[in-house]
Protein backbone atom coordinates (compact mmCIF):
# COMPACT_ATOMS: atom_id res chain seq x y z
CA MET A 1 140.38 127.81 212.91
CA THR A 2 137.52 126.32 210.96
CA VAL A 3 137.56 122.62 210.26
CA LYS A 4 135.38 120.86 207.72
CA ALA A 5 135.00 117.09 207.73
CA GLU A 6 133.61 117.32 204.20
CA LEU A 7 137.12 118.18 202.97
CA ALA A 8 138.55 114.90 204.31
CA ARG A 9 138.43 112.37 201.50
CA ILE A 10 138.23 108.61 201.76
CA PHE A 11 139.19 106.94 198.50
CA GLY A 12 138.34 103.37 197.64
CA SER A 13 135.25 103.67 195.50
CA ASP A 14 134.23 100.90 193.10
CA SER A 15 134.93 103.46 190.35
CA ASP A 16 138.66 103.96 191.16
CA ALA A 17 140.78 102.96 188.17
CA ILE A 18 144.22 102.99 186.61
CA HIS A 19 144.08 103.28 182.83
CA LEU A 20 147.21 102.60 180.78
CA ALA A 21 147.91 103.19 177.10
CA PRO A 22 150.95 103.20 174.83
CA PHE A 23 153.30 106.11 175.42
CA GLY A 24 152.23 109.06 173.24
CA THR A 25 148.51 108.29 173.33
CA THR A 26 146.29 111.40 173.35
CA LEU A 27 145.47 112.36 176.94
CA PRO A 28 142.26 113.84 178.33
CA THR A 29 142.38 117.48 179.39
CA THR A 30 139.49 117.62 181.89
CA ILE A 31 138.51 115.83 185.08
CA ASP A 32 135.72 113.92 183.32
CA GLY A 33 137.07 113.90 179.76
CA ALA A 34 136.67 110.71 177.77
CA LEU A 35 139.72 108.51 177.39
CA ASP A 36 141.25 107.58 174.07
CA PRO A 37 140.18 104.02 173.13
CA ALA A 38 143.83 102.92 173.47
CA PHE A 39 143.53 103.19 177.27
CA GLU A 40 142.91 99.91 179.09
CA ASP A 41 141.78 99.62 182.70
CA VAL A 42 144.21 97.64 184.88
CA GLY A 43 141.11 96.12 186.51
CA TRP A 44 140.69 95.13 190.12
CA LEU A 45 143.30 96.62 192.44
CA SER A 46 144.42 95.30 195.81
CA GLU A 47 142.36 96.42 198.79
CA ASP A 48 145.45 98.39 199.86
CA GLY A 49 144.73 100.82 197.01
CA LEU A 50 147.44 103.03 195.57
CA THR A 51 150.38 104.59 197.34
CA GLU A 52 151.80 107.90 196.14
CA THR A 53 155.36 108.43 197.35
CA LEU A 54 157.32 111.63 196.92
CA THR A 55 160.91 110.51 196.46
CA GLY A 56 164.14 112.37 196.85
CA SER A 57 166.67 112.92 199.52
CA VAL A 58 167.23 116.02 201.59
CA GLU A 59 170.79 117.24 201.80
CA ARG A 60 171.77 119.78 204.42
CA ARG A 61 174.63 122.15 203.61
CA ARG A 62 176.36 123.36 206.70
CA GLY A 63 178.46 126.42 207.24
CA HIS A 64 181.91 126.42 208.77
CA GLN A 65 180.91 128.57 211.74
CA GLY A 66 179.18 126.34 214.28
CA ARG A 67 178.32 123.75 211.61
CA GLY A 68 174.84 125.27 211.40
CA VAL A 69 172.57 124.44 208.45
CA VAL A 70 172.86 127.18 205.84
CA ARG A 71 170.86 125.64 202.98
CA THR A 72 168.75 122.58 202.37
CA LEU A 73 168.72 120.91 198.96
CA MET A 74 166.38 118.30 197.48
CA ASN A 75 168.22 115.70 195.41
CA GLU A 76 166.61 113.39 192.86
CA SER A 77 163.06 114.42 193.63
CA GLY A 78 160.26 112.55 191.94
CA THR A 79 156.86 110.92 192.38
CA GLN A 80 156.12 107.20 192.43
CA ILE A 81 152.80 105.39 192.52
CA ALA A 82 152.68 101.81 193.77
CA PHE A 83 149.73 99.55 193.02
CA VAL A 84 148.86 95.88 192.93
CA GLY A 85 146.80 94.53 190.04
CA LEU A 86 144.66 91.52 190.84
CA GLU A 87 143.60 90.42 187.37
CA SER A 88 145.60 87.90 185.34
CA LYS A 89 145.28 89.32 181.86
CA ALA A 90 147.47 90.24 178.91
CA GLN A 91 148.11 93.76 180.22
CA THR A 92 149.32 92.76 183.70
CA ASN A 93 151.44 89.93 182.29
CA SER A 94 153.08 92.20 179.71
CA LEU A 95 153.85 94.78 182.41
CA ARG A 96 155.41 92.25 184.76
CA TYR A 97 157.29 89.99 182.37
CA HIS A 98 159.57 90.53 179.37
CA GLU A 99 157.27 88.87 176.87
CA LYS A 100 159.12 88.44 173.60
CA VAL A 101 156.44 86.60 171.63
CA VAL A 102 152.76 86.14 172.45
CA ASP A 103 150.50 83.74 170.58
CA THR A 104 146.74 83.43 171.10
CA THR A 105 145.90 81.39 168.01
CA THR A 106 144.91 78.34 170.07
CA ALA A 107 141.44 79.02 171.45
CA GLY A 108 141.52 79.58 175.19
CA VAL A 109 145.32 79.50 175.45
CA ARG A 110 147.74 82.44 175.68
CA LYS A 111 151.28 81.28 174.97
CA ALA A 112 154.10 83.70 175.81
CA THR A 113 157.83 83.32 175.33
CA ARG A 114 159.39 85.24 178.20
CA GLY A 115 162.86 86.52 178.81
CA ALA A 116 164.24 85.66 182.25
CA GLY A 117 164.70 89.30 183.26
CA GLN A 118 162.35 92.20 183.73
CA ARG A 119 162.31 95.60 182.12
CA ILE A 120 160.71 98.99 182.52
CA GLN A 121 157.44 99.47 180.61
CA VAL A 122 156.68 103.01 179.45
CA ARG A 123 153.00 103.95 179.28
CA ALA A 124 150.68 106.94 179.38
CA ALA A 125 148.45 106.77 182.45
CA VAL A 126 145.21 108.22 183.73
CA ILE A 127 144.38 107.45 187.34
CA ASP A 128 140.87 108.22 188.57
CA LEU A 129 140.08 108.21 192.29
CA PHE A 130 136.62 108.80 193.72
CA ASP A 131 135.49 109.55 197.27
CA ALA A 132 133.97 106.38 198.73
CA ASP A 133 130.86 108.28 199.87
CA ASP A 134 130.37 110.56 196.87
CA ASP A 135 131.40 109.66 193.31
CA ASP A 136 131.00 113.32 192.36
CA VAL A 137 134.16 114.02 194.38
CA LYS A 138 137.09 112.98 192.22
CA GLU A 139 140.81 113.27 191.63
CA ARG A 140 142.43 112.55 188.27
CA PHE A 141 146.13 112.12 187.55
CA ILE A 142 146.99 112.60 183.86
CA ILE A 143 150.50 111.23 183.32
CA PRO A 144 152.09 111.47 179.86
CA ARG A 145 155.08 109.25 180.80
CA PHE A 146 154.64 106.58 183.49
CA GLU A 147 157.53 104.11 183.76
CA ILE A 148 156.33 100.89 185.39
CA ALA A 149 158.46 98.16 186.96
CA PRO A 150 157.55 94.91 188.70
CA ASN A 151 157.71 95.58 192.43
CA GLY A 152 157.98 92.49 194.57
CA ASP A 153 157.01 88.89 194.48
CA ARG A 154 154.02 87.25 192.90
CA THR A 155 153.05 84.41 195.20
CA PHE A 156 150.94 81.35 194.47
CA VAL A 157 149.81 80.27 197.93
CA GLY A 158 146.57 78.92 199.34
CA SER A 159 143.59 81.22 199.05
CA ASP A 160 145.60 84.39 198.27
CA ILE A 161 145.16 86.05 194.90
CA ALA A 162 148.31 85.70 192.77
CA ALA A 163 148.58 89.47 192.41
CA TYR A 164 150.84 91.66 190.29
CA PRO A 165 152.71 94.32 192.34
CA PHE A 166 153.99 97.34 190.39
CA LEU A 167 155.83 100.58 191.01
CA GLY A 168 155.35 103.42 188.54
CA GLU A 169 157.62 106.45 188.33
CA ILE A 170 156.19 109.67 186.91
CA ILE A 171 158.73 111.11 184.49
CA GLY A 172 158.41 114.82 183.73
CA ASP A 173 155.38 116.99 184.36
CA TYR A 174 151.88 115.65 184.85
CA THR A 175 148.46 117.13 185.51
CA HIS A 176 146.46 116.61 188.68
CA LEU A 177 142.79 117.60 188.71
CA ALA A 178 140.52 117.46 191.76
CA THR A 179 136.99 118.46 192.67
CA ASP A 180 137.31 121.79 194.48
CA LEU A 181 135.17 121.27 197.56
CA GLU A 182 136.21 124.57 199.09
CA GLU A 183 134.96 126.47 196.05
CA ALA A 184 131.76 124.39 196.02
CA GLY A 185 131.00 125.54 199.57
CA ALA A 186 131.44 122.21 201.33
């Protein structure tokens, strides 16, 4: 067995980013393709980064004889990406809260009328992750339909950042692109 430390990636580069745009926005098709101007960077993310979770439940079908497992099924499979935005800006507020009316006519003041409940926000997403030691090593998630929900509490305590936790569900197919270090001879 041959092992190559160069194939082990450490993400957390200053260049990592989550870009969101209205659902239906034109998506890039390459790992370095320019983004449509409608995409907006979420901004600073929590030091915990992003968490990709493959969801679904495994169901074992057993046979009558000996109750042995005959088949295994995957129910409700999907992919979720959790992240925590650190910047208080229009985008993070509109993702977290049901903002019915927003007014910015008073200089320096953003006034929002909010509904008491939350709702799912549907966006297109492009997530770029770079190796912490080499920005030429990259992964890109191109997600046509990313359904985002608030995910946990926003706390206002002491020296902690009043962050915005979110959980996004990828709906349908998406494209994942990554630098091929094996092909490059790493």
